């Protein structure tokens, strides 16, 4: 299943600033096996344990990388338990390594893949720690995969339908005037990224189009907030709440030159209701 060597491994973790040495340890293990590989850091500042954020960031970034890139995702609150470690290969020829805890949910829904369970200890860094499978299992497996070792060598196949999925609420009323949705991510600007996806100005899988300056109400934590749909930040006054299609094509709740997440008291994983007036 893996017939050629690849040049890039990309890392995504929730290790944070004080976990920089954990990231360095993973890179060290990879370089010892394949010193010619390029390693790219996607982010190491995800909210700790947030499978929702990891799934969103992975889906939003992976296709920008060269074909064949291997992604190692370590957001792993179940490390040391009986949870599985997986290798997935997507239809568009990318590889993903990480725990079976829902981080691959968006990939499974949109990009059917081949998948195996990592079990072959021949390819592990030993001794294997009960608390750092990112270093001792995922990193060496990724390095060997980058050198052309077949996916079949690492373990048995598993059906995609049997993988765990993260629960993200997404409910549309029959008239498509109201959507109950999930906050997937909040960036450092305080932009609240929902799981409502747009194609041009049309809500995906519906006949609902959003119009410029359309009034929209946001219901979160029992409080109603009035907003409008805009195409650019500069079309709205400073410190005003707006809805915009973000760079990843998901609907975002923002404040022009302000922090929407603080004003609305929102966090990733929150459920919010959006009504289109």
Foldseek 3Di string as FASTA:
>chain_A
DQADADAEEEEAAQCPDVSVVLVVLLVVLLCVLPVRHHYHYQDNNDDQLQLLQLLVSCVLPVVVDPAQYEYEYDRPPPQLHPWFWKWKAWPSHYIYTGTLPASNQVCVVPTPTWMWTFDPQVQFAPPDDSVRCSNTPRSSVNSVSNHRDDPVVGGGTDDSVPGDHDDWAWDADPVRQKIKTFFRDADPQQKTFTPFFDDPQHTPPDRDGFDFQFWKWKAFPNDIDIEGEHADLVVDDAQGWYWYQDPSRTIIIHGNSHHPCVVRVDDGGGIMMMGTD
